[in-house]
Amino acid sequence: MIASIQKINTAIQHLLYPHFCSGCGVDFISTKEFLCAKCCSSLPVTQFSHIPFNPIEKIFIGRVPVHAAGSIYYFTKSSLLQHLLVQLKYNNNKEAGFFLGRQLGILLKATDRFNSIDCIVPLPLHPKKQYQRGYNQVDLIGDGMAAVWPKKLLKEAVSRKIYTKTQTQESRISRWENMEGAFEVREPNSLRDKHVLLIDDVITTGASLEACGTAILAVPGTRLSIATVAYTI
């Protein structure tokens, strides 16, 4: 009897306040879910974060010493993942960041190679860009990770000193040049002797992550790992 009443109440709530999948728009998902099962299964998982010398780690060879690195999804144009990242980055869809962060946190938590992580540092935005956007989308990814993985989230440990415009159309060399000296550690004591996981939404050339990682590694005793939601192929 009680179960039947609960089902009726749930149906009424769903009718009055429908909850839609952020991917395909279907309305038969739980209010606790962000994507339906079909959309979740369509996201292109890389499956290489547990493998040494994977494509992400190879990006940084000879550039900055990285203990471990990985991405959870492949990024392709006109895909569901691109839709979610655009919603997160430009359309104030903070729930998308939390969902993607949870997925990344669940993956890394299950991977032995990241067990020694002490803290998570989101790649910072320049204050001007963060003011314009209203938030740092990578902070939201960090929030999702911290919700499923008990690691300290340090959003203020590193800052971005140099303002750069969107670098989508820049060459690899230009990106590296633009990022030189762009970051500084504001709270070195919080990173000293720590294994730091630097996170971002998408990795292409890795120029921003390299510059930020270099600043972090200048703090005595630090080790660096890197993780992103998406890897551009």
C-alpha atoms as a PDB file:
ATOM      1  CA  MET A   1       0.000   0.000   0.000  1.00  0.00           C
ATOM      2  CA  ILE A   2       2.753   2.447   1.019  1.00  0.00           C
ATOM      3  CA  ALA A   3       4.806   1.520  -2.052  1.00  0.00           C
ATOM      4  CA  SER A   4       1.804   2.187  -4.289  1.00  0.00           C
ATOM      5  CA  ILE A   5       1.260   5.609  -2.714  1.00  0.00           C
ATOM      6  CA  GLN A   6       4.935   6.463  -3.204  1.00  0.00           C
ATOM      7  CA  LYS A   7       4.725   5.475  -6.875  1.00  0.00           C
ATOM      8  CA  ILE A   8       1.647   7.667  -7.324  1.00  0.00           C
ATOM      9  CA  ASN A   9       3.366  10.599  -5.616  1.00  0.00           C
ATOM     10  CA  THR A  10       6.450  10.112  -7.801  1.00  0.00           C
ATOM     11  CA  ALA A  11       4.285  10.048 -10.936  1.00  0.00           C
ATOM     12  CA  ILE A  12       2.477  13.232  -9.885  1.00  0.00           C
ATOM     13  CA  GLN A  13       5.761  14.990  -9.131  1.00  0.00           C
ATOM     14  CA  HIS A  14       7.111  13.921 -12.502  1.00  0.00           C
ATOM     15  CA  LEU A  15       3.976  15.229 -14.219  1.00  0.00           C
ATOM     16  CA  LEU A  16       4.086  18.579 -12.443  1.00  0.00           C
ATOM     17  CA  TYR A  17       7.866  19.010 -12.500  1.00  0.00           C
ATOM     18  CA  PRO A  18       9.255  16.978 -15.412  1.00  0.00           C
ATOM     19  CA  HIS A  19      13.001  16.299 -15.419  1.00  0.00           C
ATOM     20  CA  PHE A  20      14.707  15.936 -18.777  1.00  0.00           C
ATOM     21  CA  CYS A  21      17.906  14.215 -19.895  1.00  0.00           C
ATOM     22  CA  SER A  22      20.445  16.941 -20.723  1.00  0.00           C
ATOM     23  CA  GLY A  23      21.583  14.932 -23.716  1.00  0.00           C
ATOM     24  CA  CYS A  24      18.547  13.786 -25.692  1.00  0.00           C
ATOM     25  CA  GLY A  25      15.713  15.447 -23.770  1.00  0.00           C
ATOM     26  CA  VAL A  26      13.731  12.363 -22.759  1.00  0.00           C
ATOM     27  CA  ASP A  27      11.700  12.829 -19.593  1.00  0.00           C
ATOM     28  CA  PHE A  28      11.625   9.356 -18.099  1.00  0.00           C
ATOM     29  CA  ILE A  29      14.736   9.660 -15.932  1.00  0.00           C
ATOM     30  CA  SER A  30      15.074  10.138 -12.191  1.00  0.00           C
ATOM     31  CA  THR A  31      15.470  13.672 -10.855  1.00  0.00           C
ATOM     32  CA  LYS A  32      18.841  12.517  -9.471  1.00  0.00           C
ATOM     33  CA  GLU A  33      20.148  11.682 -12.945  1.00  0.00           C
ATOM     34  CA  PHE A  34      21.744  14.133 -15.379  1.00  0.00           C
ATOM     35  CA  LEU A  35      21.775  11.889 -18.463  1.00  0.00           C
ATOM     36  CA  CYS A  36      19.670   8.906 -19.410  1.00  0.00           C
ATOM     37  CA  ALA A  37      21.321   5.489 -19.639  1.00  0.00           C
ATOM     38  CA  LYS A  38      21.439   5.646 -23.429  1.00  0.00           C
ATOM     39  CA  CYS A  39      23.285   8.980 -23.460  1.00  0.00           C
ATOM     40  CA  CYS A  40      25.673   7.849 -20.726  1.00  0.00           C
ATOM     41  CA  SER A  41      26.590   4.756 -22.709  1.00  0.00           C
ATOM     42  CA  SER A  42      27.168   6.827 -25.856  1.00  0.00           C
ATOM     43  CA  LEU A  43      29.935   8.945 -24.304  1.00  0.00           C
ATOM     44  CA  PRO A  44      33.249   7.793 -25.879  1.00  0.00           C
ATOM     45  CA  VAL A  45      35.345   6.459 -22.995  1.00  0.00           C
ATOM     46  CA  THR A  46      39.106   6.373 -23.649  1.00  0.00           C
ATOM     47  CA  GLN A  47      39.879   3.438 -21.312  1.00  0.00           C
ATOM     48  CA  PHE A  48      43.577   4.338 -21.171  1.00  0.00           C
ATOM     49  CA  SER A  49      43.930   6.265 -17.884  1.00  0.00           C
ATOM     50  CA  HIS A  50      45.161   3.108 -16.119  1.00  0.00           C
ATOM     51  CA  ILE A  51      47.860   2.508 -18.756  1.00  0.00           C
ATOM     52  CA  PRO A  52      51.363   4.028 -18.441  1.00  0.00           C
ATOM     53  CA  PHE A  53      52.634   6.077 -21.410  1.00  0.00           C
ATOM     54  CA  ASN A  54      49.104   6.638 -22.666  1.00  0.00           C
ATOM     55  CA  PRO A  55      48.423   9.447 -25.197  1.00  0.00           C
ATOM     56  CA  ILE A  56      48.018  12.108 -22.481  1.00  0.00           C
ATOM     57  CA  GLU A  57      51.304  11.262 -20.804  1.00  0.00           C
ATOM     58  CA  LYS A  58      53.105  11.254 -24.142  1.00  0.00           C
ATOM     59  CA  ILE A  59      52.087  14.885 -24.670  1.00  0.00           C
ATOM     60  CA  PHE A  60      54.254  15.955 -21.717  1.00  0.00           C
ATOM     61  CA  ILE A  61      57.338  13.808 -22.320  1.00  0.00           C
ATOM     62  CA  GLY A  62      60.356  16.092 -22.397  1.00  0.00           C
ATOM     63  CA  ARG A  63      58.246  19.082 -21.349  1.00  0.00           C
ATOM     64  CA  VAL A  64      57.259  18.605 -17.713  1.00  0.00           C
ATOM     65  CA  PRO A  65      57.655  15.556 -15.430  1.00  0.00           C
ATOM     66  CA  VAL A  66      54.251  13.944 -14.902  1.00  0.00           C
ATOM     67  CA  HIS A  67      53.690  11.001 -12.555  1.00  0.00           C
ATOM     68  CA  ALA A  68      50.419   9.921 -14.215  1.00  0.00           C
ATOM     69  CA  ALA A  69      47.909  11.440 -16.608  1.00  0.00           C
ATOM     70  CA  GLY A  70      44.654  10.563 -18.290  1.00  0.00           C
ATOM     71  CA  SER A  71      41.345  11.661 -19.790  1.00  0.00           C
ATOM     72  CA  ILE A  72      38.021   9.938 -19.413  1.00  0.00           C
ATOM     73  CA  TYR A  73      36.444  10.744 -22.810  1.00  0.00           C
ATOM     74  CA  TYR A  74      37.462  11.368 -26.415  1.00  0.00           C
ATOM     75  CA  PHE A  75      36.391  14.775 -27.721  1.00  0.00           C
ATOM     76  CA  THR A  76      34.893  14.973 -31.194  1.00  0.00           C
ATOM     77  CA  LYS A  77      32.994  17.782 -32.877  1.00  0.00           C
ATOM     78  CA  SER A  78      29.191  17.758 -33.005  1.00  0.00           C
ATOM     79  CA  SER A  79      29.090  15.097 -30.292  1.00  0.00           C
ATOM     80  CA  LEU A  80      27.113  14.826 -27.067  1.00  0.00           C
ATOM     81  CA  LEU A  81      30.305  15.505 -25.122  1.00  0.00           C
ATOM     82  CA  GLN A  82      30.922  18.729 -27.043  1.00  0.00           C
ATOM     83  CA  HIS A  83      27.327  19.746 -26.323  1.00  0.00           C
ATOM     84  CA  LEU A  84      27.852  19.175 -22.589  1.00  0.00           C
ATOM     85  CA  LEU A  85      31.152  21.069 -22.537  1.00  0.00           C
ATOM     86  CA  VAL A  86      29.645  24.023 -24.411  1.00  0.00           C
ATOM     87  CA  GLN A  87      26.712  24.043 -21.989  1.00  0.00           C
ATOM     88  CA  LEU A  88      29.172  24.044 -19.096  1.00  0.00           C
ATOM     89  CA  LYS A  89      31.596  26.607 -20.450  1.00  0.00           C
ATOM     90  CA  TYR A  90      29.327  29.149 -22.100  1.00  0.00           C
ATOM     91  CA  ASN A  91      25.715  28.517 -21.045  1.00  0.00           C
ATOM     92  CA  ASN A  92      26.046  28.444 -17.262  1.00  0.00           C
ATOM     93  CA  ASN A  93      25.094  24.758 -17.032  1.00  0.00           C
ATOM     94  CA  LYS A  94      26.925  24.071 -13.785  1.00  0.00           C
ATOM     95  CA  GLU A  95      25.208  20.718 -13.373  1.00  0.00           C
ATOM     96  CA  ALA A  96      27.097  19.528 -16.461  1.00  0.00           C
ATOM     97  CA  GLY A  97      30.412  20.304 -14.767  1.00  0.00           C
ATOM     98  CA  PHE A  98      29.419  18.479 -11.608  1.00  0.00           C
ATOM     99  CA  PHE A  99      28.299  15.428 -13.620  1.00  0.00           C
ATOM    100  CA  LEU A 100      31.506  15.296 -15.682  1.00  0.00           C
ATOM    101  CA  GLY A 101      33.598  15.773 -12.552  1.00  0.00           C
ATOM    102  CA  ARG A 102      31.841  12.909 -10.808  1.00  0.00           C
ATOM    103  CA  GLN A 103      32.516  10.651 -13.778  1.00  0.00           C
ATOM    104  CA  LEU A 104      36.198  11.623 -13.793  1.00  0.00           C
ATOM    105  CA  GLY A 105      36.481  11.165 -10.034  1.00  0.00           C
ATOM    106  CA  ILE A 106      34.895   7.711 -10.167  1.00  0.00           C
ATOM    107  CA  LEU A 107      37.336   6.675 -12.892  1.00  0.00           C
ATOM    108  CA  LEU A 108      40.461   7.904 -11.108  1.00  0.00           C
ATOM    109  CA  LYS A 109      39.357   6.504  -7.776  1.00  0.00           C
ATOM    110  CA  ALA A 110      39.237   3.054  -9.384  1.00  0.00           C
ATOM    111  CA  THR A 111      42.684   3.451 -10.940  1.00  0.00           C
ATOM    112  CA  ASP A 112      45.672   2.456  -8.787  1.00  0.00           C
ATOM    113  CA  ARG A 113      47.973   4.869 -10.603  1.00  0.00           C
ATOM    114  CA  PHE A 114      46.274   7.879  -8.951  1.00  0.00           C
ATOM    115  CA  ASN A 115      46.001   6.470  -5.410  1.00  0.00           C
ATOM    116  CA  SER A 116      48.779   8.657  -4.004  1.00  0.00           C
ATOM    117  CA  ILE A 117      47.119  11.955  -4.998  1.00  0.00           C
ATOM    118  CA  ASP A 118      46.962  14.384  -2.043  1.00  0.00           C
ATOM    119  CA  CYS A 119      45.023  17.266  -3.568  1.00  0.00           C
ATOM    120  CA  ILE A 120      43.208  18.454  -6.677  1.00  0.00           C
ATOM    121  CA  VAL A 121      43.987  21.812  -8.303  1.00  0.00           C
ATOM    122  CA  PRO A 122      41.645  23.080 -11.037  1.00  0.00           C
ATOM    123  CA  LEU A 123      43.383  24.969 -13.855  1.00  0.00           C
ATOM    124  CA  PRO A 124      42.631  28.606 -12.966  1.00  0.00           C
ATOM    125  CA  LEU A 125      41.110  31.243 -15.210  1.00  0.00           C
ATOM    126  CA  HIS A 126      42.425  34.797 -15.329  1.00  0.00           C
ATOM    127  CA  PRO A 127      40.291  36.954 -12.971  1.00  0.00           C
ATOM    128  CA  LYS A 128      39.042  39.034 -15.910  1.00  0.00           C
ATOM    129  CA  LYS A 129      37.835  35.972 -17.804  1.00  0.00           C
ATOM    130  CA  GLN A 130      36.302  34.457 -14.692  1.00  0.00           C
ATOM    131  CA  TYR A 131      34.454  37.731 -14.027  1.00  0.00           C
ATOM    132  CA  GLN A 132      33.146  37.764 -17.585  1.00  0.00           C
ATOM    133  CA  ARG A 133      31.985  34.128 -17.382  1.00  0.00           C
ATOM    134  CA  GLY A 134      30.871  34.303 -13.780  1.00  0.00           C
ATOM    135  CA  TYR A 135      32.648  31.114 -12.740  1.00  0.00           C
ATOM    136  CA  ASN A 136      35.524  28.789 -13.584  1.00  0.00           C
ATOM    137  CA  GLN A 137      34.082  25.701 -15.249  1.00  0.00           C
ATOM    138  CA  VAL A 138      37.036  23.601 -14.050  1.00  0.00           C
ATOM    139  CA  ASP A 139      36.170  24.436 -10.433  1.00  0.00           C
ATOM    140  CA  LEU A 140      32.789  22.800 -11.026  1.00  0.00           C
ATOM    141  CA  ILE A 141      34.489  19.689 -12.396  1.00  0.00           C
ATOM    142  CA  GLY A 142      36.607  19.678  -9.234  1.00  0.00           C
ATOM    143  CA  ASP A 143      33.464  19.888  -7.089  1.00  0.00           C
ATOM    144  CA  GLY A 144      32.086  16.798  -8.806  1.00  0.00           C
ATOM    145  CA  MET A 145      35.358  14.906  -8.318  1.00  0.00           C
ATOM    146  CA  ALA A 146      35.578  15.799  -4.630  1.00  0.00           C
ATOM    147  CA  ALA A 147      32.005  14.571  -4.115  1.00  0.00           C
ATOM    148  CA  VAL A 148      32.990  10.989  -5.019  1.00  0.00           C
ATOM    149  CA  TRP A 149      36.718  10.946  -4.257  1.00  0.00           C
ATOM    150  CA  PRO A 150      37.985  12.079  -0.821  1.00  0.00           C
ATOM    151  CA  LYS A 151      40.779  14.366  -2.015  1.00  0.00           C
ATOM    152  CA  LYS A 152      41.344  17.963  -0.912  1.00  0.00           C
ATOM    153  CA  LEU A 153      40.170  20.470  -3.530  1.00  0.00           C
ATOM    154  CA  LEU A 154      42.367  23.605  -3.671  1.00  0.00           C
ATOM    155  CA  LYS A 155      40.719  26.218  -5.881  1.00  0.00           C
ATOM    156  CA  GLU A 156      42.843  29.159  -4.740  1.00  0.00           C
ATOM    157  CA  ALA A 157      46.298  27.565  -4.585  1.00  0.00           C
ATOM    158  CA  VAL A 158      47.329  28.716  -8.080  1.00  0.00           C
ATOM    159  CA  SER A 159      46.368  31.868  -9.990  1.00  0.00           C
ATOM    160  CA  ARG A 160      46.609  32.980 -13.586  1.00  0.00           C
ATOM    161  CA  LYS A 161      48.628  36.178 -14.071  1.00  0.00           C
ATOM    162  CA  ILE A 162      48.380  36.644 -17.840  1.00  0.00           C
ATOM    163  CA  TYR A 163      45.123  37.171 -19.700  1.00  0.00           C
ATOM    164  CA  THR A 164      44.936  35.321 -22.998  1.00  0.00           C
ATOM    165  CA  LYS A 165      42.154  35.251 -25.546  1.00  0.00           C
ATOM    166  CA  THR A 166      40.660  31.937 -26.655  1.00  0.00           C
ATOM    167  CA  GLN A 167      43.488  29.950 -28.251  1.00  0.00           C
ATOM    168  CA  THR A 168      41.395  27.584 -30.366  1.00  0.00           C
ATOM    169  CA  GLN A 169      42.801  28.970 -33.609  1.00  0.00           C
ATOM    170  CA  GLU A 170      46.373  29.379 -32.343  1.00  0.00           C
ATOM    171  CA  SER A 171      49.231  27.137 -33.454  1.00  0.00           C
ATOM    172  CA  ARG A 172      50.951  24.849 -30.964  1.00  0.00           C
ATOM    173  CA  ILE A 173      54.008  27.102 -30.799  1.00  0.00           C
ATOM    174  CA  SER A 174      51.858  30.207 -30.250  1.00  0.00           C
ATOM    175  CA  ARG A 175      49.979  28.500 -27.426  1.00  0.00           C
ATOM    176  CA  TRP A 176      53.218  27.612 -25.645  1.00  0.00           C
ATOM    177  CA  GLU A 177      54.581  31.142 -26.075  1.00  0.00           C
ATOM    178  CA  ASN A 178      51.343  32.692 -24.792  1.00  0.00           C
ATOM    179  CA  MET A 179      51.401  30.501 -21.687  1.00  0.00           C
ATOM    180  CA  GLU A 180      54.995  31.147 -20.626  1.00  0.00           C
ATOM    181  CA  GLY A 181      54.960  32.538 -17.080  1.00  0.00           C
ATOM    182  CA  ALA A 182      51.160  32.721 -17.063  1.00  0.00           C
ATOM    183  CA  PHE A 183      50.653  31.067 -13.654  1.00  0.00           C
ATOM    184  CA  GLU A 184      51.872  31.574 -10.106  1.00  0.00           C
ATOM    185  CA  VAL A 185      51.400  29.608  -6.902  1.00  0.00           C
ATOM    186  CA  ARG A 186      49.571  31.718  -4.323  1.00  0.00           C
ATOM    187  CA  GLU A 187      49.528  29.142  -1.522  1.00  0.00           C
ATOM    188  CA  PRO A 188      52.834  27.236  -1.722  1.00  0.00           C
ATOM    189  CA  ASN A 189      52.475  25.773   1.777  1.00  0.00           C
ATOM    190  CA  SER A 190      49.289  23.969   0.750  1.00  0.00           C
ATOM    191  CA  LEU A 191      51.195  22.224  -2.056  1.00  0.00           C
ATOM    192  CA  ARG A 192      54.577  21.637  -0.407  1.00  0.00           C
ATOM    193  CA  ASP A 193      55.526  17.927  -0.389  1.00  0.00           C
ATOM    194  CA  LYS A 194      52.188  17.021  -1.971  1.00  0.00           C
ATOM    195  CA  HIS A 195      51.221  14.909  -4.975  1.00  0.00           C
ATOM    196  CA  VAL A 196      49.095  17.391  -6.918  1.00  0.00           C
ATOM    197  CA  LEU A 197      46.468  16.447  -9.487  1.00  0.00           C
ATOM    198  CA  LEU A 198      46.024  19.308 -11.967  1.00  0.00           C
ATOM    199  CA  ILE A 199      42.689  19.116 -13.816  1.00  0.00           C
ATOM    200  CA  ASP A 200      41.104  20.749 -16.865  1.00  0.00           C
ATOM    201  CA  ASP A 201      38.089  20.220 -19.091  1.00  0.00           C
ATOM    202  CA  VAL A 202      39.770  19.489 -22.453  1.00  0.00           C
ATOM    203  CA  ILE A 203      43.383  18.869 -23.465  1.00  0.00           C
ATOM    204  CA  THR A 204      44.679  19.660 -26.948  1.00  0.00           C
ATOM    205  CA  THR A 205      48.337  20.762 -27.030  1.00  0.00           C
ATOM    206  CA  GLY A 206      48.665  20.774 -23.239  1.00  0.00           C
ATOM    207  CA  ALA A 207      50.290  24.231 -23.238  1.00  0.00           C
ATOM    208  CA  SER A 208      48.198  25.642 -20.378  1.00  0.00           C
ATOM    209  CA  LEU A 209      48.590  22.512 -18.273  1.00  0.00           C
ATOM    210  CA  GLU A 210      52.336  22.472 -18.912  1.00  0.00           C
ATOM    211  CA  ALA A 211      52.747  26.098 -17.820  1.00  0.00           C
ATOM    212  CA  CYS A 212      50.610  25.632 -14.711  1.00  0.00           C
ATOM    213  CA  GLY A 213      52.290  22.322 -13.886  1.00  0.00           C
ATOM    214  CA  THR A 214      55.724  23.954 -14.151  1.00  0.00           C
ATOM    215  CA  ALA A 215      54.678  26.590 -11.600  1.00  0.00           C
ATOM    216  CA  ILE A 216      53.384  23.878  -9.252  1.00  0.00           C
ATOM    217  CA  LEU A 217      56.575  21.821  -9.525  1.00  0.00           C
ATOM    218  CA  ALA A 218      58.605  24.858  -8.452  1.00  0.00           C
ATOM    219  CA  VAL A 219      57.190  24.290  -4.957  1.00  0.00           C
ATOM    220  CA  PRO A 220      59.613  22.023  -3.011  1.00  0.00           C
ATOM    221  CA  GLY A 221      58.630  18.376  -2.754  1.00  0.00           C
ATOM    222  CA  THR A 222      55.713  18.449  -5.170  1.00  0.00           C
ATOM    223  CA  ARG A 223      54.822  15.739  -7.662  1.00  0.00           C
ATOM    224  CA  LEU A 224      52.457  16.348 -10.556  1.00  0.00           C
ATOM    225  CA  SER A 225      49.711  14.313 -12.189  1.00  0.00           C
ATOM    226  CA  ILE A 226      47.216  15.560 -14.754  1.00  0.00           C
ATOM    227  CA  ALA A 227      43.633  14.606 -15.596  1.00  0.00           C
ATOM    228  CA  THR A 228      41.058  16.059 -17.956  1.00  0.00           C
ATOM    229  CA  VAL A 229      37.497  15.256 -18.898  1.00  0.00           C
ATOM    230  CA  ALA A 230      38.238  15.120 -22.617  1.00  0.00           C
ATOM    231  CA  TYR A 231      41.106  14.420 -24.985  1.00  0.00           C
ATOM    232  CA  THR A 232      41.026  15.911 -28.465  1.00  0.00           C
ATOM    233  CA  ILE A 233      41.985  13.414 -31.141  1.00  0.00           C
END
